[in-house]
Amino acid sequence: MHMPITHIGIGMDASVTPLRHGGLSLVQTTDFFYPLVDDPYMMGKISCANVLSDLFAMGVTDCDNMLMLLGVSTKMTEKERDVVIPLMMRGFKARLCCSW
């Protein structure tokens, strides 16, 4: 069986740091980008794919937890934010669930 090699250290957009507890590692990636499409659900899926590609590039094949920090424009009304944010989160989660 072929096991991918996790690259310890710093990649282009991610880092893998071994922890002292039972062979676990802290995997971190941070991305920032502007909207690429007008559909918030699709933007969530695109964002997730971008994050996952950073992890896959480092050889990460398993992830127990993921934290999403989402910022939206202050020019949006509260009603717009109430619509856009859940759609982006649903798109992110939908892409994440089919990737592992």
Protein backbone atom coordinates (compact mmCIF):
# COMPACT_ATOMS: atom_id res chain seq x y z
CA MET A 1 0.00 0.00 0.00
CA HIS A 2 1.36 3.43 -0.96
CA MET A 3 1.36 5.94 1.90
CA PRO A 4 1.85 9.61 0.98
CA ILE A 5 4.67 11.43 2.71
CA THR A 6 3.71 14.45 4.79
CA HIS A 7 6.24 17.22 4.34
CA ILE A 8 7.29 18.62 7.71
CA GLY A 9 8.02 22.33 7.62
CA ILE A 10 6.77 25.32 5.69
CA GLY A 11 5.26 25.10 2.23
CA MET A 12 4.07 27.91 0.01
CA ASP A 13 0.77 28.42 1.86
CA ALA A 14 0.82 25.83 4.64
CA SER A 15 2.97 24.44 7.42
CA VAL A 16 3.12 21.10 9.20
CA THR A 17 4.54 21.14 12.73
CA PRO A 18 4.94 17.86 14.64
CA LEU A 19 3.48 17.87 18.14
CA ARG A 20 4.92 15.97 21.06
CA HIS A 21 1.70 13.98 21.54
CA GLY A 22 1.40 10.61 19.83
CA GLY A 23 2.59 11.38 16.33
CA LEU A 24 0.14 14.25 15.82
CA SER A 25 0.93 17.36 13.78
CA LEU A 26 -0.43 20.88 13.72
CA VAL A 27 -1.29 21.78 10.14
CA GLN A 28 -1.90 25.44 9.33
CA THR A 29 -2.84 27.31 6.20
CA THR A 30 -4.05 30.84 5.71
CA ASP A 31 -5.52 32.29 2.55
CA PHE A 32 -7.15 35.57 1.69
CA PHE A 33 -8.96 36.27 -1.52
CA TYR A 34 -11.66 38.44 -2.94
CA PRO A 35 -14.91 37.07 -4.38
CA LEU A 36 -14.32 35.26 -7.66
CA VAL A 37 -17.97 34.54 -8.46
CA ASP A 38 -21.34 36.09 -7.62
CA ASP A 39 -22.71 32.91 -6.00
CA PRO A 40 -21.84 32.75 -2.26
CA TYR A 41 -22.38 28.96 -2.13
CA MET A 42 -19.96 28.43 -5.03
CA MET A 43 -17.49 30.87 -3.45
CA GLY A 44 -17.55 28.73 -0.30
CA LYS A 45 -16.77 25.64 -2.39
CA ILE A 46 -13.95 27.45 -4.20
CA SER A 47 -12.50 28.65 -0.88
CA CYS A 48 -12.53 25.15 0.54
CA ALA A 49 -10.90 23.68 -2.57
CA ASN A 50 -8.14 26.28 -2.26
CA VAL A 51 -7.50 25.40 1.39
CA LEU A 52 -7.54 21.66 0.68
CA SER A 53 -5.09 22.05 -2.20
CA ASP A 54 -2.63 23.70 0.20
CA LEU A 55 -2.96 20.74 2.58
CA PHE A 56 -2.72 18.12 -0.15
CA ALA A 57 0.41 19.82 -1.50
CA MET A 58 2.03 19.25 1.89
CA GLY A 59 1.03 15.56 1.83
CA VAL A 60 -1.74 15.91 4.42
CA THR A 61 -4.32 13.16 3.89
CA ASP A 62 -6.35 13.40 7.09
CA CYS A 63 -7.79 16.34 8.99
CA ASP A 64 -9.70 16.19 12.28
CA ASN A 65 -10.70 19.84 12.60
CA MET A 66 -10.89 22.92 10.41
CA LEU A 67 -11.53 26.53 11.42
CA MET A 68 -12.90 28.98 8.90
CA LEU A 69 -12.45 32.70 9.44
CA LEU A 70 -14.84 34.61 7.21
CA GLY A 71 -14.88 38.34 6.72
CA VAL A 72 -17.53 40.21 4.78
CA SER A 73 -17.79 43.76 3.52
CA THR A 74 -19.04 46.43 5.88
CA LYS A 75 -20.93 47.80 2.88
CA MET A 76 -23.30 44.84 3.04
CA THR A 77 -26.54 45.29 4.93
CA GLU A 78 -27.29 43.02 7.88
CA LYS A 79 -29.91 41.26 5.77
CA GLU A 80 -27.38 40.63 2.99
CA ARG A 81 -24.87 39.25 5.51
CA ASP A 82 -27.58 36.99 6.97
CA VAL A 83 -28.05 35.48 3.51
CA VAL A 84 -24.46 35.41 2.20
CA ILE A 85 -22.60 34.06 5.24
CA PRO A 86 -24.65 30.85 5.70
CA LEU A 87 -24.46 30.15 1.96
CA MET A 88 -20.67 30.50 1.95
CA MET A 89 -20.38 28.27 5.00
CA ARG A 90 -22.66 25.64 3.42
CA GLY A 91 -20.60 25.66 0.22
CA PHE A 92 -17.36 25.32 2.19
CA LYS A 93 -18.75 22.42 4.22
CA ALA A 94 -20.21 20.70 1.14
CA ARG A 95 -16.82 20.72 -0.58
CA LEU A 96 -15.05 19.63 2.57
CA CYS A 97 -17.35 16.68 3.21
CA CYS A 98 -16.71 15.15 -0.22
CA SER A 99 -12.92 15.53 -0.02
CA TRP A 100 -11.82 13.23 2.78
